[in-house]
ModelCIF file with pLDDT and N, C-alpha, C, O atoms, coordinates in Angstrom:
data_MODEL
#
_entry.id   MODEL 
#
_entity.id                         1 
_entity.type                       polymer 
_entity.pdbx_number_of_molecules   1 
#
_entity_poly.entity_id                      1 
_entity_poly.type                           'polypeptide(L)' 
_entity_poly.nstd_linkage                   no 
_entity_poly.nstd_monomer                   no 
_entity_poly.pdbx_seq_one_letter_code       ELVEFAVPARTIGRGEVVRASDLVIDRKPRNTLPMMTADTV 
_entity_poly.pdbx_seq_one_letter_code_can   ELVEFAVPARTIGRGEVVRASDLVIDRKPRNTLPMMTADTV 
_entity_poly.pdbx_strand_id                 A 
#
loop_
_entity_poly_seq.entity_id 
_entity_poly_seq.num 
_entity_poly_seq.mon_id 
_entity_poly_seq.hetero 
1 1  GLU n 
1 2  LEU n 
1 3  VAL n 
1 4  GLU n 
1 5  PHE n 
1 6  ALA n 
1 7  VAL n 
1 8  PRO n 
1 9  ALA n 
1 10 ARG n 
1 11 THR n 
1 12 ILE n 
1 13 GLY n 
1 14 ARG n 
1 15 GLY n 
1 16 GLU n 
1 17 VAL n 
1 18 VAL n 
1 19 ARG n 
1 20 ALA n 
1 21 SER n 
1 22 ASP n 
1 23 LEU n 
1 24 VAL n 
1 25 ILE n 
1 26 ASP n 
1 27 ARG n 
1 28 LYS n 
1 29 PRO n 
1 30 ARG n 
1 31 ASN n 
1 32 THR n 
1 33 LEU n 
1 34 PRO n 
1 35 MET n 
1 36 MET n 
1 37 THR n 
1 38 ALA n 
1 39 ASP n 
1 40 THR n 
1 41 VAL n 
#
_struct_asym.id          A 
_struct_asym.entity_id   1 
#
loop_
_ma_qa_metric.id 
_ma_qa_metric.mode 
_ma_qa_metric.name 
_ma_qa_metric.software_group_id 
_ma_qa_metric.type 
1 global pLDDT . pLDDT 
2 local  pLDDT . pLDDT 
#
_ma_qa_metric_global.metric_id      1 
_ma_qa_metric_global.metric_value   88.76 
_ma_qa_metric_global.model_id       1 
_ma_qa_metric_global.ordinal_id     1 
#
loop_
_ma_qa_metric_local.label_asym_id 
_ma_qa_metric_local.label_comp_id 
_ma_qa_metric_local.label_seq_id 
_ma_qa_metric_local.metric_id 
_ma_qa_metric_local.metric_value 
_ma_qa_metric_local.model_id 
_ma_qa_metric_local.ordinal_id 
A GLU 1  2 90.00 1 1  
A LEU 2  2 90.00 1 2  
A VAL 3  2 89.00 1 3  
A GLU 4  2 89.00 1 4  
A PHE 5  2 93.00 1 5  
A ALA 6  2 95.00 1 6  
A VAL 7  2 95.00 1 7  
A PRO 8  2 97.00 1 8  
A ALA 9  2 96.00 1 9  
A ARG 10 2 96.00 1 10 
A THR 11 2 96.00 1 11 
A ILE 12 2 96.00 1 12 
A GLY 13 2 94.00 1 13 
A ARG 14 2 89.00 1 14 
A GLY 15 2 88.00 1 15 
A GLU 16 2 91.00 1 16 
A VAL 17 2 92.00 1 17 
A VAL 18 2 96.00 1 18 
A ARG 19 2 95.00 1 19 
A ALA 20 2 95.00 1 20 
A SER 21 2 95.00 1 21 
A ASP 22 2 96.00 1 22 
A LEU 23 2 96.00 1 23 
A VAL 24 2 96.00 1 24 
A ILE 25 2 94.00 1 25 
A ASP 26 2 92.00 1 26 
A ARG 27 2 89.00 1 27 
A LYS 28 2 88.00 1 28 
A PRO 29 2 86.00 1 29 
A ARG 30 2 80.00 1 30 
A ASN 31 2 75.00 1 31 
A THR 32 2 75.00 1 32 
A LEU 33 2 71.00 1 33 
A PRO 34 2 65.00 1 34 
A MET 35 2 67.00 1 35 
A MET 36 2 73.00 1 36 
A THR 37 2 80.00 1 37 
A ALA 38 2 83.00 1 38 
A ASP 39 2 90.00 1 39 
A THR 40 2 92.00 1 40 
A VAL 41 2 94.00 1 41 
#
loop_
_atom_site.group_PDB 
_atom_site.id 
_atom_site.type_symbol 
_atom_site.label_atom_id 
_atom_site.label_alt_id 
_atom_site.label_comp_id 
_atom_site.label_asym_id 
_atom_site.label_entity_id 
_atom_site.label_seq_id 
_atom_site.pdbx_PDB_ins_code 
_atom_site.Cartn_x 
_atom_site.Cartn_y 
_atom_site.Cartn_z 
_atom_site.occupancy 
_atom_site.B_iso_or_equiv 
_atom_site.pdbx_formal_charge 
_atom_site.auth_seq_id 
_atom_site.auth_comp_id 
_atom_site.auth_asym_id 
_atom_site.auth_atom_id 
_atom_site.pdbx_PDB_model_num 
ATOM 1   N N  . GLU A 1 1  ? 31.772 28.064 -111.493 1.00 90.00 ? 1  GLU A N  1 
ATOM 2   C CA . GLU A 1 1  ? 32.098 27.438 -112.659 1.00 90.00 ? 1  GLU A CA 1 
ATOM 3   C C  . GLU A 1 1  ? 31.649 26.034 -112.528 1.00 90.00 ? 1  GLU A C  1 
ATOM 4   O O  . GLU A 1 1  ? 31.889 25.444 -111.474 1.00 90.00 ? 1  GLU A O  1 
ATOM 5   N N  . LEU A 1 2  ? 31.117 25.529 -113.343 1.00 90.00 ? 2  LEU A N  1 
ATOM 6   C CA . LEU A 1 2  ? 31.145 24.289 -112.917 1.00 90.00 ? 2  LEU A CA 1 
ATOM 7   C C  . LEU A 1 2  ? 32.633 23.083 -113.904 1.00 90.00 ? 2  LEU A C  1 
ATOM 8   O O  . LEU A 1 2  ? 32.784 23.070 -115.126 1.00 90.00 ? 2  LEU A O  1 
ATOM 9   N N  . VAL A 1 3  ? 33.477 22.245 -112.881 1.00 89.00 ? 3  VAL A N  1 
ATOM 10  C CA . VAL A 1 3  ? 34.359 21.700 -114.039 1.00 89.00 ? 3  VAL A CA 1 
ATOM 11  C C  . VAL A 1 3  ? 34.094 19.935 -113.767 1.00 89.00 ? 3  VAL A C  1 
ATOM 12  O O  . VAL A 1 3  ? 33.856 19.387 -112.691 1.00 89.00 ? 3  VAL A O  1 
ATOM 13  N N  . GLU A 1 4  ? 34.230 19.307 -115.125 1.00 89.00 ? 4  GLU A N  1 
ATOM 14  C CA . GLU A 1 4  ? 34.454 18.147 -115.437 1.00 89.00 ? 4  GLU A CA 1 
ATOM 15  C C  . GLU A 1 4  ? 35.145 17.246 -114.657 1.00 89.00 ? 4  GLU A C  1 
ATOM 16  O O  . GLU A 1 4  ? 35.962 17.686 -113.849 1.00 89.00 ? 4  GLU A O  1 
ATOM 17  N N  . PHE A 1 5  ? 35.002 16.337 -114.734 1.00 93.00 ? 5  PHE A N  1 
ATOM 18  C CA . PHE A 1 5  ? 36.345 15.235 -113.927 1.00 93.00 ? 5  PHE A CA 1 
ATOM 19  C C  . PHE A 1 5  ? 35.585 14.000 -113.713 1.00 93.00 ? 5  PHE A C  1 
ATOM 20  O O  . PHE A 1 5  ? 34.440 13.653 -113.422 1.00 93.00 ? 5  PHE A O  1 
ATOM 21  N N  . ALA A 1 6  ? 37.258 13.256 -114.112 1.00 95.00 ? 6  ALA A N  1 
ATOM 22  C CA . ALA A 1 6  ? 36.249 11.481 -113.937 1.00 95.00 ? 6  ALA A CA 1 
ATOM 23  C C  . ALA A 1 6  ? 36.326 11.082 -112.780 1.00 95.00 ? 6  ALA A C  1 
ATOM 24  O O  . ALA A 1 6  ? 37.159 11.733 -112.150 1.00 95.00 ? 6  ALA A O  1 
ATOM 25  N N  . VAL A 1 7  ? 35.450 9.684  -111.740 1.00 95.00 ? 7  VAL A N  1 
ATOM 26  C CA . VAL A 1 7  ? 35.775 9.375  -110.842 1.00 95.00 ? 7  VAL A CA 1 
ATOM 27  C C  . VAL A 1 7  ? 35.375 7.885  -111.080 1.00 95.00 ? 7  VAL A C  1 
ATOM 28  O O  . VAL A 1 7  ? 34.434 7.531  -111.792 1.00 95.00 ? 7  VAL A O  1 
ATOM 29  N N  . PRO A 1 8  ? 36.147 7.123  -110.446 1.00 97.00 ? 8  PRO A N  1 
ATOM 30  C CA . PRO A 1 8  ? 35.691 5.587  -110.852 1.00 97.00 ? 8  PRO A CA 1 
ATOM 31  C C  . PRO A 1 8  ? 34.346 4.918  -110.546 1.00 97.00 ? 8  PRO A C  1 
ATOM 32  O O  . PRO A 1 8  ? 34.078 5.184  -109.374 1.00 97.00 ? 8  PRO A O  1 
ATOM 33  N N  . ALA A 1 9  ? 33.340 4.126  -111.125 1.00 96.00 ? 9  ALA A N  1 
ATOM 34  C CA . ALA A 1 9  ? 32.181 3.634  -110.809 1.00 96.00 ? 9  ALA A CA 1 
ATOM 35  C C  . ALA A 1 9  ? 31.996 2.832  -109.612 1.00 96.00 ? 9  ALA A C  1 
ATOM 36  O O  . ALA A 1 9  ? 30.957 2.745  -108.958 1.00 96.00 ? 9  ALA A O  1 
ATOM 37  N N  . ARG A 1 10 ? 33.297 2.154  -109.350 1.00 96.00 ? 10 ARG A N  1 
ATOM 38  C CA . ARG A 1 10 ? 33.673 1.257  -108.292 1.00 96.00 ? 10 ARG A CA 1 
ATOM 39  C C  . ARG A 1 10 ? 34.578 1.108  -107.857 1.00 96.00 ? 10 ARG A C  1 
ATOM 40  O O  . ARG A 1 10 ? 35.443 1.512  -108.634 1.00 96.00 ? 10 ARG A O  1 
ATOM 41  N N  . THR A 1 11 ? 35.176 0.559  -106.585 1.00 96.00 ? 11 THR A N  1 
ATOM 42  C CA . THR A 1 11 ? 36.696 -0.130 -106.018 1.00 96.00 ? 11 THR A CA 1 
ATOM 43  C C  . THR A 1 11 ? 36.987 -0.005 -107.367 1.00 96.00 ? 11 THR A C  1 
ATOM 44  O O  . THR A 1 11 ? 36.168 -0.257 -108.251 1.00 96.00 ? 11 THR A O  1 
ATOM 45  N N  . ILE A 1 12 ? 38.288 0.427  -107.590 1.00 96.00 ? 12 ILE A N  1 
ATOM 46  C CA . ILE A 1 12 ? 38.964 -0.301 -108.131 1.00 96.00 ? 12 ILE A CA 1 
ATOM 47  C C  . ILE A 1 12 ? 40.628 -0.524 -107.726 1.00 96.00 ? 12 ILE A C  1 
ATOM 48  O O  . ILE A 1 12 ? 41.194 0.442  -107.215 1.00 96.00 ? 12 ILE A O  1 
ATOM 49  N N  . GLY A 1 13 ? 41.251 -1.529 -107.905 1.00 94.00 ? 13 GLY A N  1 
ATOM 50  C CA . GLY A 1 13 ? 42.084 -1.933 -107.148 1.00 94.00 ? 13 GLY A CA 1 
ATOM 51  C C  . GLY A 1 13 ? 43.590 -1.585 -107.669 1.00 94.00 ? 13 GLY A C  1 
ATOM 52  O O  . GLY A 1 13 ? 43.866 -1.318 -108.838 1.00 94.00 ? 13 GLY A O  1 
ATOM 53  N N  . ARG A 1 14 ? 44.399 -1.631 -106.719 1.00 89.00 ? 14 ARG A N  1 
ATOM 54  C CA . ARG A 1 14 ? 45.700 -1.506 -106.650 1.00 89.00 ? 14 ARG A CA 1 
ATOM 55  C C  . ARG A 1 14 ? 46.314 -2.457 -108.102 1.00 89.00 ? 14 ARG A C  1 
ATOM 56  O O  . ARG A 1 14 ? 45.789 -3.570 -108.133 1.00 89.00 ? 14 ARG A O  1 
ATOM 57  N N  . GLY A 1 15 ? 47.198 -2.231 -109.140 1.00 88.00 ? 15 GLY A N  1 
ATOM 58  C CA . GLY A 1 15 ? 46.866 -3.414 -110.856 1.00 88.00 ? 15 GLY A CA 1 
ATOM 59  C C  . GLY A 1 15 ? 46.341 -2.895 -111.519 1.00 88.00 ? 15 GLY A C  1 
ATOM 60  O O  . GLY A 1 15 ? 46.584 -2.627 -112.696 1.00 88.00 ? 15 GLY A O  1 
ATOM 61  N N  . GLU A 1 16 ? 45.202 -2.563 -110.647 1.00 91.00 ? 16 GLU A N  1 
ATOM 62  C CA . GLU A 1 16 ? 44.038 -3.219 -111.647 1.00 91.00 ? 16 GLU A CA 1 
ATOM 63  C C  . GLU A 1 16 ? 43.632 -1.983 -113.434 1.00 91.00 ? 16 GLU A C  1 
ATOM 64  O O  . GLU A 1 16 ? 43.534 -0.785 -113.700 1.00 91.00 ? 16 GLU A O  1 
ATOM 65  N N  . VAL A 1 17 ? 43.557 -3.021 -113.989 1.00 92.00 ? 17 VAL A N  1 
ATOM 66  C CA . VAL A 1 17 ? 43.639 -1.266 -116.064 1.00 92.00 ? 17 VAL A CA 1 
ATOM 67  C C  . VAL A 1 17 ? 42.529 -1.471 -115.544 1.00 92.00 ? 17 VAL A C  1 
ATOM 68  O O  . VAL A 1 17 ? 41.863 -2.393 -115.073 1.00 92.00 ? 17 VAL A O  1 
ATOM 69  N N  . VAL A 1 18 ? 42.454 0.192  -115.842 1.00 96.00 ? 18 VAL A N  1 
ATOM 70  C CA . VAL A 1 18 ? 41.544 0.646  -116.007 1.00 96.00 ? 18 VAL A CA 1 
ATOM 71  C C  . VAL A 1 18 ? 40.422 0.412  -117.234 1.00 96.00 ? 18 VAL A C  1 
ATOM 72  O O  . VAL A 1 18 ? 40.970 0.570  -118.325 1.00 96.00 ? 18 VAL A O  1 
ATOM 73  N N  . ARG A 1 19 ? 39.456 0.186  -117.309 1.00 95.00 ? 19 ARG A N  1 
ATOM 74  C CA . ARG A 1 19 ? 38.213 0.193  -118.473 1.00 95.00 ? 19 ARG A CA 1 
ATOM 75  C C  . ARG A 1 19 ? 37.435 1.577  -118.514 1.00 95.00 ? 19 ARG A C  1 
ATOM 76  O O  . ARG A 1 19 ? 37.731 2.214  -117.503 1.00 95.00 ? 19 ARG A O  1 
ATOM 77  N N  . ALA A 1 20 ? 36.843 2.035  -119.053 1.00 95.00 ? 20 ALA A N  1 
ATOM 78  C CA . ALA A 1 20 ? 35.962 2.850  -119.887 1.00 95.00 ? 20 ALA A CA 1 
ATOM 79  C C  . ALA A 1 20 ? 34.731 2.862  -119.094 1.00 95.00 ? 20 ALA A C  1 
ATOM 80  O O  . ALA A 1 20 ? 34.403 3.929  -118.574 1.00 95.00 ? 20 ALA A O  1 
ATOM 81  N N  . SER A 1 21 ? 34.018 1.838  -118.935 1.00 95.00 ? 21 SER A N  1 
ATOM 82  C CA . SER A 1 21 ? 33.127 0.752  -118.108 1.00 95.00 ? 21 SER A CA 1 
ATOM 83  C C  . SER A 1 21 ? 33.291 1.563  -116.206 1.00 95.00 ? 21 SER A C  1 
ATOM 84  O O  . SER A 1 21 ? 32.330 1.900  -115.514 1.00 95.00 ? 21 SER A O  1 
ATOM 85  N N  . ASP A 1 22 ? 34.462 1.649  -115.896 1.00 96.00 ? 22 ASP A N  1 
ATOM 86  C CA . ASP A 1 22 ? 35.082 2.018  -114.741 1.00 96.00 ? 22 ASP A CA 1 
ATOM 87  C C  . ASP A 1 22 ? 34.567 3.162  -114.075 1.00 96.00 ? 22 ASP A C  1 
ATOM 88  O O  . ASP A 1 22 ? 34.069 3.254  -112.953 1.00 96.00 ? 22 ASP A O  1 
ATOM 89  N N  . LEU A 1 23 ? 34.709 3.762  -114.689 1.00 96.00 ? 23 LEU A N  1 
ATOM 90  C CA . LEU A 1 23 ? 34.440 5.557  -114.921 1.00 96.00 ? 23 LEU A CA 1 
ATOM 91  C C  . LEU A 1 23 ? 33.557 5.906  -114.998 1.00 96.00 ? 23 LEU A C  1 
ATOM 92  O O  . LEU A 1 23 ? 32.805 5.066  -115.494 1.00 96.00 ? 23 LEU A O  1 
ATOM 93  N N  . VAL A 1 24 ? 32.816 7.336  -114.631 1.00 96.00 ? 24 VAL A N  1 
ATOM 94  C CA . VAL A 1 24 ? 32.310 8.270  -115.683 1.00 96.00 ? 24 VAL A CA 1 
ATOM 95  C C  . VAL A 1 24 ? 32.583 9.907  -114.923 1.00 96.00 ? 24 VAL A C  1 
ATOM 96  O O  . VAL A 1 24 ? 33.257 10.237 -113.947 1.00 96.00 ? 24 VAL A O  1 
ATOM 97  N N  . ILE A 1 25 ? 32.009 10.432 -115.559 1.00 94.00 ? 25 ILE A N  1 
ATOM 98  C CA . ILE A 1 25 ? 31.918 11.892 -115.827 1.00 94.00 ? 25 ILE A CA 1 
ATOM 99  C C  . ILE A 1 25 ? 31.431 12.358 -114.930 1.00 94.00 ? 25 ILE A C  1 
ATOM 100 O O  . ILE A 1 25 ? 30.239 12.385 -115.237 1.00 94.00 ? 25 ILE A O  1 
ATOM 101 N N  . ASP A 1 26 ? 31.588 12.982 -113.481 1.00 92.00 ? 26 ASP A N  1 
ATOM 102 C CA . ASP A 1 26 ? 31.489 14.225 -112.816 1.00 92.00 ? 26 ASP A CA 1 
ATOM 103 C C  . ASP A 1 26 ? 31.318 15.738 -113.392 1.00 92.00 ? 26 ASP A C  1 
ATOM 104 O O  . ASP A 1 26 ? 31.757 16.105 -114.482 1.00 92.00 ? 26 ASP A O  1 
ATOM 105 N N  . ARG A 1 27 ? 30.533 16.628 -112.381 1.00 89.00 ? 27 ARG A N  1 
ATOM 106 C CA . ARG A 1 27 ? 30.927 17.900 -112.783 1.00 89.00 ? 27 ARG A CA 1 
ATOM 107 C C  . ARG A 1 27 ? 29.852 18.299 -111.755 1.00 89.00 ? 27 ARG A C  1 
ATOM 108 O O  . ARG A 1 27 ? 28.677 17.968 -111.598 1.00 89.00 ? 27 ARG A O  1 
ATOM 109 N N  . LYS A 1 28 ? 30.923 19.366 -110.934 1.00 88.00 ? 28 LYS A N  1 
ATOM 110 C CA . LYS A 1 28 ? 30.720 19.713 -109.256 1.00 88.00 ? 28 LYS A CA 1 
ATOM 111 C C  . LYS A 1 28 ? 31.046 21.106 -109.751 1.00 88.00 ? 28 LYS A C  1 
ATOM 112 O O  . LYS A 1 28 ? 31.690 21.221 -110.795 1.00 88.00 ? 28 LYS A O  1 
ATOM 113 N N  . PRO A 1 29 ? 30.577 22.357 -108.959 1.00 86.00 ? 29 PRO A N  1 
ATOM 114 C CA . PRO A 1 29 ? 31.383 24.050 -108.774 1.00 86.00 ? 29 PRO A CA 1 
ATOM 115 C C  . PRO A 1 29 ? 32.943 23.490 -108.249 1.00 86.00 ? 29 PRO A C  1 
ATOM 116 O O  . PRO A 1 29 ? 33.324 22.428 -107.757 1.00 86.00 ? 29 PRO A O  1 
ATOM 117 N N  . ARG A 1 30 ? 33.595 24.712 -108.602 1.00 80.00 ? 30 ARG A N  1 
ATOM 118 C CA . ARG A 1 30 ? 35.271 24.634 -108.364 1.00 80.00 ? 30 ARG A CA 1 
ATOM 119 C C  . ARG A 1 30 ? 35.268 24.942 -107.544 1.00 80.00 ? 30 ARG A C  1 
ATOM 120 O O  . ARG A 1 30 ? 36.104 24.175 -107.066 1.00 80.00 ? 30 ARG A O  1 
ATOM 121 N N  . ASN A 1 31 ? 34.795 25.955 -106.247 1.00 75.00 ? 31 ASN A N  1 
ATOM 122 C CA . ASN A 1 31 ? 35.131 26.049 -105.461 1.00 75.00 ? 31 ASN A CA 1 
ATOM 123 C C  . ASN A 1 31 ? 34.429 25.324 -104.330 1.00 75.00 ? 31 ASN A C  1 
ATOM 124 O O  . ASN A 1 31 ? 34.280 25.828 -103.217 1.00 75.00 ? 31 ASN A O  1 
ATOM 125 N N  . THR A 1 32 ? 33.868 23.725 -104.781 1.00 75.00 ? 32 THR A N  1 
ATOM 126 C CA . THR A 1 32 ? 33.667 22.844 -103.563 1.00 75.00 ? 32 THR A CA 1 
ATOM 127 C C  . THR A 1 32 ? 34.897 21.451 -103.900 1.00 75.00 ? 32 THR A C  1 
ATOM 128 O O  . THR A 1 32 ? 34.984 20.304 -103.463 1.00 75.00 ? 32 THR A O  1 
ATOM 129 N N  . LEU A 1 33 ? 35.571 22.117 -104.714 1.00 71.00 ? 33 LEU A N  1 
ATOM 130 C CA . LEU A 1 33 ? 36.497 20.344 -104.796 1.00 71.00 ? 33 LEU A CA 1 
ATOM 131 C C  . LEU A 1 33 ? 38.081 21.386 -104.795 1.00 71.00 ? 33 LEU A C  1 
ATOM 132 O O  . LEU A 1 33 ? 38.682 21.838 -105.769 1.00 71.00 ? 33 LEU A O  1 
ATOM 133 N N  . PRO A 1 34 ? 38.452 21.532 -103.124 1.00 65.00 ? 34 PRO A N  1 
ATOM 134 C CA . PRO A 1 34 ? 39.606 22.243 -103.382 1.00 65.00 ? 34 PRO A CA 1 
ATOM 135 C C  . PRO A 1 34 ? 41.172 21.289 -103.182 1.00 65.00 ? 34 PRO A C  1 
ATOM 136 O O  . PRO A 1 34 ? 42.320 21.662 -102.939 1.00 65.00 ? 34 PRO A O  1 
ATOM 137 N N  . MET A 1 35 ? 40.550 19.885 -103.421 1.00 67.00 ? 35 MET A N  1 
ATOM 138 C CA . MET A 1 35 ? 41.375 19.195 -103.166 1.00 67.00 ? 35 MET A CA 1 
ATOM 139 C C  . MET A 1 35 ? 42.089 18.833 -105.278 1.00 67.00 ? 35 MET A C  1 
ATOM 140 O O  . MET A 1 35 ? 43.151 18.384 -105.709 1.00 67.00 ? 35 MET A O  1 
ATOM 141 N N  . MET A 1 36 ? 41.188 19.184 -105.763 1.00 73.00 ? 36 MET A N  1 
ATOM 142 C CA . MET A 1 36 ? 42.052 19.408 -107.629 1.00 73.00 ? 36 MET A CA 1 
ATOM 143 C C  . MET A 1 36 ? 42.906 20.222 -107.856 1.00 73.00 ? 36 MET A C  1 
ATOM 144 O O  . MET A 1 36 ? 42.949 21.425 -107.599 1.00 73.00 ? 36 MET A O  1 
ATOM 145 N N  . THR A 1 37 ? 43.802 19.376 -108.488 1.00 80.00 ? 37 THR A N  1 
ATOM 146 C CA . THR A 1 37 ? 44.659 20.491 -109.001 1.00 80.00 ? 37 THR A CA 1 
ATOM 147 C C  . THR A 1 37 ? 44.852 20.062 -110.238 1.00 80.00 ? 37 THR A C  1 
ATOM 148 O O  . THR A 1 37 ? 44.115 19.256 -110.808 1.00 80.00 ? 37 THR A O  1 
ATOM 149 N N  . ALA A 1 38 ? 46.282 20.803 -110.916 1.00 83.00 ? 38 ALA A N  1 
ATOM 150 C CA . ALA A 1 38 ? 46.509 20.220 -112.253 1.00 83.00 ? 38 ALA A CA 1 
ATOM 151 C C  . ALA A 1 38 ? 46.582 19.099 -112.552 1.00 83.00 ? 38 ALA A C  1 
ATOM 152 O O  . ALA A 1 38 ? 46.419 18.900 -113.756 1.00 83.00 ? 38 ALA A O  1 
ATOM 153 N N  . ASP A 1 39 ? 46.720 18.457 -112.097 1.00 90.00 ? 39 ASP A N  1 
ATOM 154 C CA . ASP A 1 39 ? 46.873 16.607 -112.599 1.00 90.00 ? 39 ASP A CA 1 
ATOM 155 C C  . ASP A 1 39 ? 45.664 15.456 -112.414 1.00 90.00 ? 39 ASP A C  1 
ATOM 156 O O  . ASP A 1 39 ? 45.575 14.242 -112.600 1.00 90.00 ? 39 ASP A O  1 
ATOM 157 N N  . THR A 1 40 ? 44.703 16.635 -111.897 1.00 92.00 ? 40 THR A N  1 
ATOM 158 C CA . THR A 1 40 ? 43.730 15.726 -111.738 1.00 92.00 ? 40 THR A CA 1 
ATOM 159 C C  . THR A 1 40 ? 42.454 15.067 -112.883 1.00 92.00 ? 40 THR A C  1 
ATOM 160 O O  . THR A 1 40 ? 41.657 15.815 -113.448 1.00 92.00 ? 40 THR A O  1 
ATOM 161 N N  . VAL A 1 41 ? 42.465 13.840 -113.033 1.00 94.00 ? 41 VAL A N  1 
ATOM 162 C CA . VAL A 1 41 ? 42.265 12.837 -114.244 1.00 94.00 ? 41 VAL A CA 1 
ATOM 163 C C  . VAL A 1 41 ? 40.510 14.038 -114.548 1.00 94.00 ? 41 VAL A C  1 
ATOM 164 O O  . VAL A 1 41 ? 39.745 13.789 -115.479 1.00 94.00 ? 41 VAL A O  1 
#
């Protein structure tokens, strides 16, 4: 199963407001992402 999640397109510093252009949607097999949790963006 492939799951979608958001990842930064660049380094986002602490306190920096996130814009739509700062993120991209990635897709990977679920079993390759053991760190994914229910609150993953």
